[in-house]
N, C-alpha and C. Protein backbone atom coordinates (compact mmCIF):
# COMPACT_ATOMS: atom_id res chain seq x y z
N MET A 1 -23.63 1.81 84.08
CA MET A 1 -22.29 2.59 85.24
C MET A 1 -22.96 3.42 85.82
N VAL A 2 -23.76 4.56 85.81
CA VAL A 2 -24.34 5.73 86.71
C VAL A 2 -25.16 4.89 87.15
N ASN A 3 -26.19 3.80 87.07
CA ASN A 3 -27.47 3.12 87.85
C ASN A 3 -26.32 2.44 89.10
N MET A 4 -25.68 1.88 88.66
CA MET A 4 -24.91 0.76 89.91
C MET A 4 -24.50 1.69 91.04
N GLN A 5 -25.56 1.92 91.88
CA GLN A 5 -24.91 2.63 92.94
C GLN A 5 -24.05 2.08 93.55
N SER A 6 -24.44 0.83 93.83
CA SER A 6 -23.06 0.46 95.03
C SER A 6 -21.75 0.29 94.05
N LEU A 7 -21.68 0.36 93.04
CA LEU A 7 -20.20 0.50 92.51
C LEU A 7 -19.75 1.72 92.05
N THR A 8 -20.37 2.29 91.46
CA THR A 8 -20.34 3.82 91.35
C THR A 8 -20.42 4.92 91.66
N ASN A 9 -21.18 4.76 93.13
CA ASN A 9 -21.95 5.91 93.85
C ASN A 9 -23.12 6.46 92.96
N GLY A 10 -23.53 6.14 91.66
CA GLY A 10 -24.85 6.64 90.85
C GLY A 10 -24.07 8.08 89.86
N ALA A 11 -25.09 9.21 90.08
CA ALA A 11 -24.57 10.32 88.98
C ALA A 11 -23.98 10.93 90.51
N LEU A 12 -23.69 10.70 91.78
CA LEU A 12 -23.05 11.78 92.42
C LEU A 12 -21.33 11.05 92.35
N GLY A 13 -21.28 10.09 91.90
CA GLY A 13 -19.71 9.64 91.40
C GLY A 13 -18.81 9.35 92.76
N LEU A 14 -17.63 8.90 92.47
CA LEU A 14 -16.63 8.38 93.79
C LEU A 14 -16.31 9.65 94.55
N LYS A 15 -16.28 9.55 95.86
CA LYS A 15 -15.66 10.96 96.50
C LYS A 15 -14.48 10.72 97.29
N GLY A 16 -13.75 11.75 97.77
CA GLY A 16 -12.90 11.09 98.60
C GLY A 16 -11.34 10.09 98.37
N ILE A 17 -11.18 10.41 96.92
CA ILE A 17 -10.43 9.24 96.58
C ILE A 17 -9.05 9.98 97.08
N PRO A 18 -8.07 9.30 97.43
CA PRO A 18 -6.71 9.38 97.97
C PRO A 18 -5.60 10.27 97.08
N GLY A 19 -5.30 10.97 97.26
CA GLY A 19 -4.53 12.20 96.28
C GLY A 19 -3.20 11.48 95.81
N TYR A 20 -2.41 10.12 95.78
CA TYR A 20 -1.75 9.95 95.33
C TYR A 20 -0.62 10.38 94.46
N THR A 21 -1.51 10.76 93.37
CA THR A 21 -0.77 11.12 92.09
C THR A 21 -0.11 12.04 92.34
N ASN A 22 1.17 12.37 91.97
CA ASN A 22 2.36 13.70 91.92
C ASN A 22 3.60 13.72 90.53
N LEU A 23 3.95 14.23 90.49
CA LEU A 23 4.86 14.52 89.34
C LEU A 23 5.86 13.22 88.96
N PHE A 24 5.92 12.64 90.35
CA PHE A 24 7.05 11.10 90.07
C PHE A 24 6.21 10.11 89.46
N TRP A 25 4.38 10.03 90.43
CA TRP A 25 3.96 8.96 90.02
C TRP A 25 3.86 9.13 87.85
N SER A 26 3.07 10.22 87.78
CA SER A 26 2.59 10.77 86.19
C SER A 26 3.58 10.17 85.18
N TRP A 27 5.05 10.79 85.42
CA TRP A 27 6.05 10.36 84.48
C TRP A 27 6.51 9.00 84.89
N GLY A 28 6.77 8.66 85.75
CA GLY A 28 7.00 6.94 85.91
C GLY A 28 6.07 6.57 85.25
N CYS A 29 4.75 6.16 85.47
CA CYS A 29 3.81 5.90 84.55
C CYS A 29 3.95 5.81 82.95
N LEU A 30 4.24 7.27 82.71
CA LEU A 30 4.39 7.31 81.60
C LEU A 30 5.75 6.93 80.88
N GLY A 31 6.30 7.02 81.55
CA GLY A 31 7.57 6.25 80.95
C GLY A 31 7.46 4.52 80.86
N VAL A 32 6.87 3.79 81.86
CA VAL A 32 6.57 2.87 81.56
C VAL A 32 5.92 2.40 80.47
N CYS A 33 4.73 3.14 80.00
CA CYS A 33 3.72 2.73 79.44
C CYS A 33 4.19 3.28 77.89
N ILE A 34 4.82 3.88 77.90
CA ILE A 34 5.73 4.13 76.67
C ILE A 34 6.91 2.79 76.43
N PHE A 35 7.31 2.78 77.25
CA PHE A 35 8.13 1.42 76.89
C PHE A 35 7.42 0.32 76.81
N VAL A 36 6.28 -0.35 77.14
CA VAL A 36 5.36 -1.05 76.83
C VAL A 36 4.62 -0.83 75.60
N ILE A 37 4.41 0.02 74.82
CA ILE A 37 3.69 0.03 73.37
C ILE A 37 4.68 0.09 72.63
N LYS A 38 6.03 0.26 72.80
CA LYS A 38 7.14 0.86 72.05
C LYS A 38 7.44 -1.23 71.55
N ARG A 39 7.61 -1.71 72.44
CA ARG A 39 7.96 -3.03 72.52
C ARG A 39 6.34 -3.58 71.87
N LEU A 40 5.50 -2.94 72.05
CA LEU A 40 4.25 -4.24 71.50
C LEU A 40 4.10 -3.23 70.12
N VAL A 41 4.28 -2.26 69.92
CA VAL A 41 4.33 -1.87 68.26
C VAL A 41 5.60 -2.81 67.85
N ASP A 42 6.35 -2.96 68.11
CA ASP A 42 7.72 -3.90 66.94
C ASP A 42 7.68 -4.92 67.44
N SER A 43 6.29 -5.63 67.96
CA SER A 43 6.32 -7.03 67.79
C SER A 43 5.29 -7.44 66.48
N SER A 44 5.30 -8.59 66.58
CA SER A 44 4.62 -9.01 65.47
C SER A 44 3.13 -8.92 65.64
N TYR A 45 2.36 -8.68 66.33
CA TYR A 45 1.09 -8.03 66.88
C TYR A 45 1.17 -6.55 66.34
N GLY A 46 2.01 -6.01 66.86
CA GLY A 46 2.53 -4.37 66.13
C GLY A 46 2.72 -4.55 64.74
N ARG A 47 3.39 -4.99 64.31
CA ARG A 47 3.22 -4.76 62.67
C ARG A 47 1.80 -5.19 62.06
N ALA A 48 1.12 -6.11 62.73
CA ALA A 48 -0.09 -6.72 62.00
C ALA A 48 -1.69 -5.32 62.16
N ILE A 49 -1.34 -5.15 63.17
CA ILE A 49 -1.97 -3.67 63.53
C ILE A 49 -1.98 -2.49 62.82
N SER A 50 -0.67 -2.34 62.72
CA SER A 50 -0.47 -1.12 61.65
C SER A 50 -0.91 -1.35 60.25
N ALA A 51 -0.53 -3.23 59.89
CA ALA A 51 -1.21 -3.81 58.25
C ALA A 51 -2.70 -3.10 57.93
N VAL A 52 -3.57 -3.11 59.39
CA VAL A 52 -4.69 -3.52 59.69
C VAL A 52 -5.20 -1.79 59.34
N ARG A 53 -4.49 -0.81 59.72
CA ARG A 53 -4.20 0.68 59.54
C ARG A 53 -4.34 0.97 58.50
N ASP A 54 -3.16 0.45 57.87
CA ASP A 54 -2.89 1.10 56.63
C ASP A 54 -3.88 0.58 55.39
N ASP A 55 -3.74 -0.64 55.32
CA ASP A 55 -5.25 -1.15 54.50
C ASP A 55 -5.21 -2.66 54.99
N GLU A 56 -6.89 -2.71 55.41
CA GLU A 56 -7.25 -3.36 55.59
C GLU A 56 -7.54 -4.58 54.76
N VAL A 57 -8.10 -4.32 53.84
CA VAL A 57 -7.84 -5.66 52.47
C VAL A 57 -6.49 -6.22 52.46
N ALA A 58 -5.38 -5.74 52.02
CA ALA A 58 -4.43 -6.28 52.35
C ALA A 58 -3.69 -7.22 53.41
N ALA A 59 -4.25 -6.39 54.40
CA ALA A 59 -3.89 -7.44 55.80
C ALA A 59 -4.70 -8.30 55.77
N GLU A 60 -6.07 -8.53 55.21
CA GLU A 60 -6.65 -9.98 55.67
C GLU A 60 -6.27 -10.84 54.31
N ALA A 61 -5.86 -10.03 53.01
CA ALA A 61 -5.18 -11.22 52.23
C ALA A 61 -4.00 -11.83 52.53
N LEU A 62 -3.44 -11.12 53.79
CA LEU A 62 -2.15 -11.79 54.15
C LEU A 62 -2.55 -12.55 55.05
N GLY A 63 -3.51 -12.67 55.87
CA GLY A 63 -3.87 -13.89 56.72
C GLY A 63 -4.17 -12.76 58.13
N VAL A 64 -4.33 -11.92 58.39
CA VAL A 64 -4.30 -11.17 59.45
C VAL A 64 -5.77 -11.26 59.76
N ASN A 65 -5.98 -11.55 61.11
CA ASN A 65 -7.75 -11.71 61.53
C ASN A 65 -8.01 -10.38 61.64
N LEU A 66 -8.84 -9.44 61.12
CA LEU A 66 -9.13 -8.32 61.14
C LEU A 66 -9.93 -8.52 62.69
N PHE A 67 -10.91 -9.19 62.77
CA PHE A 67 -11.91 -9.01 64.33
C PHE A 67 -10.65 -8.99 65.28
N LYS A 68 -10.01 -10.04 65.31
CA LYS A 68 -9.13 -10.38 66.23
C LYS A 68 -8.49 -9.09 66.55
N HIS A 69 -7.72 -8.93 65.73
CA HIS A 69 -6.80 -7.74 66.06
C HIS A 69 -7.45 -6.34 66.56
N LYS A 70 -8.63 -6.33 65.95
CA LYS A 70 -9.34 -4.98 66.41
C LYS A 70 -9.71 -4.93 67.70
N MET A 71 -9.98 -6.00 68.09
CA MET A 71 -10.57 -6.27 69.89
C MET A 71 -9.63 -6.20 70.09
N MET A 72 -8.23 -6.74 70.26
CA MET A 72 -7.02 -6.90 70.96
C MET A 72 -6.80 -5.01 70.97
N ALA A 73 -7.28 -4.43 70.25
CA ALA A 73 -6.49 -3.08 69.78
C ALA A 73 -7.12 -2.10 70.68
N PHE A 74 -8.60 -2.82 70.69
CA PHE A 74 -9.55 -2.11 71.78
C PHE A 74 -9.21 -2.07 73.46
N GLY A 75 -8.81 -3.45 73.38
CA GLY A 75 -8.39 -4.07 74.69
C GLY A 75 -7.39 -3.14 75.08
N VAL A 76 -6.37 -3.88 74.60
CA VAL A 76 -4.85 -2.39 74.73
C VAL A 76 -5.04 -1.26 75.31
N SER A 77 -5.78 -0.37 73.93
CA SER A 77 -6.28 0.91 74.59
C SER A 77 -6.97 1.06 75.63
N SER A 78 -7.92 0.42 75.78
CA SER A 78 -9.13 0.45 77.31
C SER A 78 -7.99 0.57 78.54
N PHE A 79 -6.54 -0.43 78.21
CA PHE A 79 -5.91 -0.29 79.42
C PHE A 79 -5.23 0.60 79.83
N PHE A 80 -4.81 1.52 78.94
CA PHE A 80 -3.43 2.18 78.86
C PHE A 80 -5.09 3.81 79.24
N VAL A 81 -6.12 3.31 78.48
CA VAL A 81 -6.79 4.80 79.09
C VAL A 81 -7.34 4.67 80.28
N GLY A 82 -7.45 3.27 80.92
CA GLY A 82 -7.54 2.93 82.37
C GLY A 82 -6.54 3.46 83.48
N VAL A 83 -5.24 3.44 83.15
CA VAL A 83 -4.26 3.55 83.65
C VAL A 83 -4.13 5.35 84.00
N ALA A 84 -4.60 5.93 82.94
CA ALA A 84 -4.92 7.56 83.13
C ALA A 84 -5.88 7.96 84.03
N GLY A 85 -7.19 7.21 83.15
CA GLY A 85 -8.21 7.75 84.13
C GLY A 85 -7.87 7.21 86.19
N GLY A 86 -7.14 6.45 86.25
CA GLY A 86 -7.02 6.03 87.60
C GLY A 86 -5.86 7.09 88.46
N LEU A 87 -4.78 7.50 87.28
CA LEU A 87 -3.64 8.61 87.97
C LEU A 87 -4.83 9.85 88.05
N MET A 88 -5.69 10.28 86.64
CA MET A 88 -6.64 11.34 87.28
C MET A 88 -7.54 11.59 88.78
N ALA A 89 -8.04 10.24 88.60
CA ALA A 89 -8.90 10.32 89.87
C ALA A 89 -8.13 10.18 90.87
N ASN A 90 -6.92 10.00 90.98
CA ASN A 90 -5.97 10.04 92.13
C ASN A 90 -5.14 11.46 92.19
N LEU A 91 -5.58 12.51 91.53
CA LEU A 91 -5.43 13.48 91.23
C LEU A 91 -6.22 14.62 91.98
N ILE A 92 -7.62 14.64 91.07
CA ILE A 92 -8.70 15.43 91.77
C ILE A 92 -9.50 15.11 92.64
N SER A 93 -9.09 13.75 93.04
CA SER A 93 -9.77 12.74 94.61
C SER A 93 -11.14 12.74 94.26
N THR A 94 -11.86 13.15 92.90
CA THR A 94 -13.06 12.61 92.82
C THR A 94 -13.65 12.13 91.02
N ILE A 95 -14.38 11.34 90.92
CA ILE A 95 -14.70 10.93 89.71
C ILE A 95 -16.37 10.96 89.42
N ASP A 96 -16.64 11.45 88.21
CA ASP A 96 -18.24 11.26 88.08
C ASP A 96 -18.37 11.48 86.90
N PRO A 97 -19.79 11.01 86.03
CA PRO A 97 -19.88 11.32 84.87
C PRO A 97 -19.87 12.26 84.21
N LYS A 98 -19.98 13.81 84.83
CA LYS A 98 -19.48 15.14 83.93
C LYS A 98 -18.40 15.13 84.23
N VAL A 99 -17.35 14.49 84.85
CA VAL A 99 -15.69 14.73 84.26
C VAL A 99 -15.37 14.28 82.75
N PHE A 100 -15.97 13.38 82.36
CA PHE A 100 -15.67 13.05 81.01
C PHE A 100 -16.92 12.86 80.03
N LEU A 101 -16.78 14.58 79.62
CA LEU A 101 -17.53 14.93 78.64
C LEU A 101 -17.10 14.77 77.05
N PHE A 102 -17.64 15.23 75.95
CA PHE A 102 -17.32 14.95 74.77
C PHE A 102 -15.89 15.85 74.48
N THR A 103 -15.68 16.79 75.18
CA THR A 103 -14.70 18.05 74.89
C THR A 103 -13.02 17.19 75.37
N LEU A 104 -13.46 16.11 76.21
CA LEU A 104 -12.48 15.58 76.64
C LEU A 104 -11.78 14.23 75.69
N THR A 105 -12.99 13.79 75.20
CA THR A 105 -12.55 13.22 73.52
C THR A 105 -11.93 13.94 72.49
N TYR A 106 -12.50 14.64 72.29
CA TYR A 106 -12.24 15.82 71.25
C TYR A 106 -10.47 16.05 71.43
N GLN A 107 -10.06 16.66 72.99
CA GLN A 107 -9.09 17.05 72.93
C GLN A 107 -7.71 15.63 72.76
N ILE A 108 -8.21 14.56 73.32
CA ILE A 108 -7.91 13.24 73.22
C ILE A 108 -6.93 12.88 71.87
N VAL A 109 -8.09 13.38 70.77
CA VAL A 109 -7.99 12.78 69.54
C VAL A 109 -7.20 14.07 68.87
N GLY A 110 -7.42 15.33 69.04
CA GLY A 110 -6.92 16.17 68.68
C GLY A 110 -5.21 16.27 68.96
N VAL A 111 -5.06 15.88 70.26
CA VAL A 111 -3.76 16.14 70.62
C VAL A 111 -2.98 14.65 69.81
N THR A 112 -3.63 13.80 69.43
CA THR A 112 -3.01 12.89 68.61
C THR A 112 -3.11 13.14 67.49
N VAL A 113 -3.51 13.54 66.58
CA VAL A 113 -3.61 14.13 65.27
C VAL A 113 -2.76 15.00 65.07
N MET A 114 -2.37 15.67 66.16
CA MET A 114 -1.56 16.91 66.03
C MET A 114 -0.25 16.09 65.88
N GLY A 115 0.12 15.60 66.99
CA GLY A 115 1.12 14.89 67.04
C GLY A 115 2.05 14.32 65.89
N GLY A 116 0.90 13.20 65.45
CA GLY A 116 1.50 12.66 64.12
C GLY A 116 0.68 11.11 64.67
N MET A 117 -0.43 10.16 63.83
CA MET A 117 -0.91 9.12 64.45
C MET A 117 -0.03 7.72 64.96
N GLY A 118 0.85 8.15 63.85
CA GLY A 118 2.27 6.93 64.09
C GLY A 118 3.54 6.87 64.65
N SER A 119 3.25 7.81 65.98
CA SER A 119 4.37 8.46 66.54
C SER A 119 4.14 8.49 67.94
N LEU A 120 4.69 7.96 68.70
CA LEU A 120 4.71 7.67 70.10
C LEU A 120 5.39 9.46 70.38
N THR A 121 6.61 9.72 70.51
CA THR A 121 6.71 10.56 71.38
C THR A 121 6.38 11.79 70.57
N GLY A 122 5.72 11.64 69.33
CA GLY A 122 5.29 12.72 68.77
C GLY A 122 3.96 13.27 69.41
N SER A 123 3.23 12.02 70.09
CA SER A 123 2.04 12.24 70.94
C SER A 123 2.57 13.01 72.02
N VAL A 124 3.72 12.91 73.00
CA VAL A 124 4.02 13.22 73.92
C VAL A 124 4.24 14.56 73.92
N ILE A 125 5.24 14.96 72.75
CA ILE A 125 5.25 16.36 72.63
C ILE A 125 3.83 17.13 72.12
N SER A 126 3.23 16.85 71.23
CA SER A 126 1.81 17.49 71.30
C SER A 126 0.95 17.63 72.95
N ALA A 127 0.83 16.48 73.55
CA ALA A 127 0.41 16.58 74.74
C ALA A 127 0.90 18.05 75.09
N SER A 128 2.08 17.95 75.23
CA SER A 128 3.23 18.92 76.55
C SER A 128 2.51 20.42 75.69
N LEU A 129 2.95 20.42 74.66
CA LEU A 129 2.57 21.77 74.26
C LEU A 129 1.52 22.11 74.06
N TYR A 130 0.33 21.35 74.28
CA TYR A 130 -1.18 21.56 74.35
C TYR A 130 -1.55 22.18 75.77
N THR A 131 -0.66 21.27 76.54
CA THR A 131 -0.91 22.03 78.13
C THR A 131 -0.49 23.03 78.31
N ILE A 132 1.09 23.46 77.77
CA ILE A 132 1.66 24.53 77.78
C ILE A 132 0.86 25.94 77.36
N PHE A 133 0.12 25.30 76.02
CA PHE A 133 -0.46 26.52 75.56
C PHE A 133 -1.72 26.85 76.16
N LEU A 134 -2.44 26.12 76.56
CA LEU A 134 -3.56 25.91 76.97
C LEU A 134 -3.72 26.69 78.46
N GLU A 135 -2.72 26.64 79.45
CA GLU A 135 -2.37 27.45 80.33
C GLU A 135 -1.89 28.72 80.30
N ALA A 136 -1.12 28.81 78.92
CA ALA A 136 -0.76 30.45 79.07
C ALA A 136 -1.93 30.89 78.16
N LEU A 137 -2.92 30.27 77.41
CA LEU A 137 -3.85 31.12 77.00
C LEU A 137 -4.73 31.56 78.14
N ARG A 138 -5.19 31.12 78.67
CA ARG A 138 -6.04 31.06 80.60
C ARG A 138 -6.36 32.21 80.35
N PRO A 139 -5.81 33.38 80.52
CA PRO A 139 -5.99 34.93 80.73
C PRO A 139 -7.21 35.28 79.82
N LEU A 140 -7.07 34.91 78.57
CA LEU A 140 -8.00 34.98 77.43
C LEU A 140 -9.63 35.12 78.07
N GLU A 141 -9.68 33.92 78.79
CA GLU A 141 -10.93 33.18 79.28
C GLU A 141 -11.37 33.97 80.76
N SER A 142 -10.77 35.08 80.97
CA SER A 142 -10.95 35.87 81.80
C SER A 142 -11.05 37.59 81.81
N GLN A 143 -11.22 38.14 82.89
CA GLN A 143 -11.38 39.82 82.30
C GLN A 143 -10.10 40.16 82.84
N PHE A 144 -9.34 41.23 81.87
CA PHE A 144 -8.00 41.48 81.74
C PHE A 144 -8.09 43.05 81.35
N THR A 145 -6.66 43.77 82.11
CA THR A 145 -7.01 44.77 81.70
C THR A 145 -5.80 45.36 80.56
N ILE A 146 -5.74 46.37 79.87
CA ILE A 146 -4.80 46.95 79.01
C ILE A 146 -4.78 48.49 79.06
N GLY A 147 -3.78 48.95 80.09
CA GLY A 147 -3.81 50.21 80.28
C GLY A 147 -4.82 51.01 81.06
N SER A 148 -6.02 51.90 80.13
CA SER A 148 -7.58 52.08 80.68
C SER A 148 -8.28 51.29 80.02
N LEU A 149 -7.83 50.26 79.52
CA LEU A 149 -9.14 49.34 78.76
C LEU A 149 -9.23 47.96 79.34
N THR A 150 -10.69 48.01 79.83
CA THR A 150 -10.87 46.17 80.34
C THR A 150 -11.39 45.27 79.34
N VAL A 151 -11.20 44.35 78.92
CA VAL A 151 -11.37 43.37 77.80
C VAL A 151 -11.96 42.44 78.43
N PRO A 152 -13.20 42.15 78.40
CA PRO A 152 -13.83 41.35 79.43
C PRO A 152 -13.12 39.68 78.88
N GLY A 153 -13.84 38.73 79.29
CA GLY A 153 -12.93 37.97 79.12
C GLY A 153 -13.87 36.70 78.03
N ILE A 154 -13.44 35.70 77.08
CA ILE A 154 -14.20 35.39 76.25
C ILE A 154 -14.24 33.53 76.39
N PRO A 155 -15.01 33.32 77.28
CA PRO A 155 -15.14 31.46 77.53
C PRO A 155 -15.28 30.89 76.54
N GLY A 156 -14.19 29.77 76.31
CA GLY A 156 -13.64 28.70 75.29
C GLY A 156 -13.00 29.12 74.18
N MET A 157 -12.12 30.29 74.31
CA MET A 157 -11.57 31.39 73.61
C MET A 157 -10.32 30.11 73.35
N ARG A 158 -9.86 29.72 74.12
CA ARG A 158 -8.54 28.28 74.59
C ARG A 158 -8.88 27.49 73.57
N MET A 159 -9.84 27.54 73.21
CA MET A 159 -10.30 25.84 72.60
C MET A 159 -10.60 26.33 71.02
N VAL A 160 -11.07 27.52 70.81
CA VAL A 160 -10.99 28.00 69.43
C VAL A 160 -9.64 27.92 69.26
N ILE A 161 -8.66 28.59 69.78
CA ILE A 161 -7.48 29.08 69.09
C ILE A 161 -6.79 27.46 68.83
N PHE A 162 -7.12 26.50 69.69
CA PHE A 162 -6.29 24.94 69.11
C PHE A 162 -7.37 24.46 68.59
N SER A 163 -8.38 24.22 68.20
CA SER A 163 -9.27 24.15 67.10
C SER A 163 -8.62 25.03 65.68
N PHE A 164 -7.85 26.02 65.33
CA PHE A 164 -7.23 26.89 64.38
C PHE A 164 -5.97 26.24 64.34
N LEU A 165 -5.46 25.98 65.45
CA LEU A 165 -4.07 25.38 65.57
C LEU A 165 -3.91 24.49 65.15
N LEU A 166 -5.30 23.28 65.13
CA LEU A 166 -5.22 21.80 64.75
C LEU A 166 -5.69 21.89 63.19
N LEU A 167 -6.49 22.82 63.13
CA LEU A 167 -6.70 22.92 61.10
C LEU A 167 -5.63 23.36 60.30
N LEU A 168 -4.98 24.22 60.91
CA LEU A 168 -3.30 24.93 59.94
C LEU A 168 -2.53 22.91 59.95
N VAL A 169 -2.36 22.50 61.39
CA VAL A 169 -1.71 20.93 61.13
C VAL A 169 -2.11 19.91 60.11
N ILE A 170 -3.19 19.77 59.73
CA ILE A 170 -3.94 18.96 58.98
C ILE A 170 -3.87 19.54 57.56
N LEU A 171 -3.93 20.96 57.35
CA LEU A 171 -3.88 21.63 55.67
C LEU A 171 -2.39 21.28 55.70
N PHE A 172 -1.21 21.61 56.32
CA PHE A 172 0.02 21.67 55.98
C PHE A 172 0.54 20.51 56.20
N SER A 173 0.56 19.54 56.92
CA SER A 173 0.91 18.72 57.36
C SER A 173 0.28 17.23 58.04
N ARG A 174 -0.42 16.93 56.96
CA ARG A 174 -1.55 15.83 57.08
C ARG A 174 -1.47 14.67 58.21
N LYS A 175 0.17 14.52 58.19
CA LYS A 175 0.33 13.34 59.14
C LYS A 175 1.01 13.68 60.66
N GLY A 176 1.04 15.30 61.32
CA GLY A 176 1.15 15.76 61.81
C GLY A 176 2.37 16.13 62.29
N LEU A 177 2.69 16.80 63.70
CA LEU A 177 4.46 17.28 63.79
C LEU A 177 5.40 16.30 63.77
N MET A 178 4.75 15.00 63.78
CA MET A 178 6.04 13.94 63.77
C MET A 178 5.69 13.00 62.84
N GLY A 179 4.51 12.72 62.26
CA GLY A 179 3.92 11.86 61.39
C GLY A 179 4.35 10.56 61.80
N ASN A 180 5.35 9.52 60.99
CA ASN A 180 5.29 8.07 61.64
C ASN A 180 6.94 8.20 62.18
N ASN A 181 7.73 9.07 62.60
CA ASN A 181 8.75 9.13 62.85
C ASN A 181 8.76 9.02 64.27
N GLU A 182 9.92 9.34 65.01
CA GLU A 182 10.01 9.12 66.30
C GLU A 182 11.55 10.43 66.56
N PHE A 183 10.83 10.85 67.62
CA PHE A 183 12.31 11.88 68.18
C PHE A 183 13.16 11.29 68.21
N SER A 184 14.52 11.60 67.73
CA SER A 184 15.74 11.13 68.10
C SER A 184 16.98 12.59 68.16
N TRP A 185 18.19 12.52 69.12
CA TRP A 185 19.00 14.02 69.35
C TRP A 185 19.68 14.06 67.91
N ASP A 186 19.68 12.50 67.26
CA ASP A 186 20.75 12.68 66.48
C ASP A 186 19.88 13.51 65.24
N GLY A 187 18.18 13.02 65.07
CA GLY A 187 17.63 14.04 64.06
C GLY A 187 17.62 15.28 64.51
N LEU A 188 17.56 15.51 65.47
CA LEU A 188 17.35 17.09 65.64
C LEU A 188 18.67 17.87 64.94
N PHE A 189 19.74 17.33 65.83
CA PHE A 189 21.27 17.61 65.43
C PHE A 189 21.08 18.01 63.52
N ARG A 190 20.83 17.07 62.87
CA ARG A 190 20.79 17.03 61.67
C ARG A 190 19.92 17.78 61.17
N LEU A 191 18.58 18.60 61.62
CA LEU A 191 17.54 19.53 61.18
C LEU A 191 18.35 20.64 61.58
N PHE A 192 19.11 20.64 62.64
CA PHE A 192 19.70 22.33 63.02
C PHE A 192 21.07 22.31 62.00
N ARG A 193 21.58 21.03 61.50
CA ARG A 193 22.28 21.18 60.55
C ARG A 193 22.07 21.75 58.97
N ARG A 194 20.55 21.44 58.70
CA ARG A 194 19.93 21.80 57.85
C ARG A 194 19.40 23.06 57.81
N LEU A 195 19.48 23.66 58.71
CA LEU A 195 18.58 25.23 59.31
C LEU A 195 19.82 25.93 58.93
N ARG A 196 21.08 25.71 59.56
CA ARG A 196 21.96 26.57 59.64
C ARG A 196 22.53 27.04 58.47
N PRO A 197 23.09 28.33 57.77
CA PRO A 197 23.06 28.84 57.35
C PRO A 197 24.80 28.40 56.57
N LYS A 198 25.18 27.29 55.35
CA LYS A 198 26.72 27.10 54.93
C LYS A 198 27.80 28.06 55.02
N LYS A 199 28.89 27.69 55.38
CA LYS A 199 29.85 28.64 55.64
C LYS A 199 30.30 29.40 54.01
N GLY A 200 30.62 30.51 54.01
CA GLY A 200 30.64 31.60 52.66
C GLY A 200 29.15 32.02 52.31
N GLU A 201 28.05 31.35 52.61
CA GLU A 201 26.94 31.93 51.78
C GLU A 201 26.96 33.77 51.87
N GLY A 202 27.02 33.66 53.67
CA GLY A 202 27.28 35.53 53.58
C GLY A 202 28.08 36.06 52.75
N SER A 203 29.28 35.62 53.01
CA SER A 203 30.29 36.46 51.91
C SER A 203 30.00 37.04 50.83
N MET A 204 29.14 35.45 50.10
CA MET A 204 28.94 35.59 48.76
C MET A 204 28.14 36.78 48.40
N GLY A 205 27.06 36.74 49.51
CA GLY A 205 26.00 37.36 49.17
C GLY A 205 26.42 39.04 49.48
N GLY A 206 27.43 39.40 49.76
CA GLY A 206 27.98 40.90 50.34
C GLY A 206 29.28 40.84 49.41
N ASP A 207 29.66 39.80 48.65
CA ASP A 207 30.51 40.56 47.28
C ASP A 207 29.56 41.01 46.53
N GLU A 208 28.89 40.09 46.24
CA GLU A 208 27.92 40.14 44.63
C GLU A 208 27.25 41.86 45.09
N SER A 209 26.92 42.41 45.99
CA SER A 209 25.93 43.66 46.59
C SER A 209 27.30 44.46 46.39
């Protein structure tokens, strides 16, 4: 692809791409993609892919064509990655080989693992939290002053902290933040009700003391 000068402009990449990507297009495409993926996951094809993911031997014994479904999964995922790449190209107005480094792959995989391998909303929540924390920790990579003390910036510190958080998730929540579950308001309210102390617990503790 790099050597295809007529198509990709070689190592220089594509420059001057119109900047059409904005908040409306980003969230709009996200909503459409989530809807399509959800319908796909709930279809017979999605159930077959889930079976292959969980146990290839059992899936093949049930008649699932492993090669066919793996290739289809690769093609479908490539399509959605292409949508994301198109939005990114229209956001930064340029695309070249140096944009897609190994660190980008690591970030995408890390966000997916942290959110939950079997959860769509988990990936969205994880990506949102990752972006917020990444921007909040940006001052750590540049020089800043605390009173009379000047602290030098530490390049790459944001990724070190993200790697540490990912390690904690893997150790204490192997299925990620959401696991195989999807976000719902009813589930959130049930969680709040479980965390809220029951009536009478505070007064009982006071009487015993």
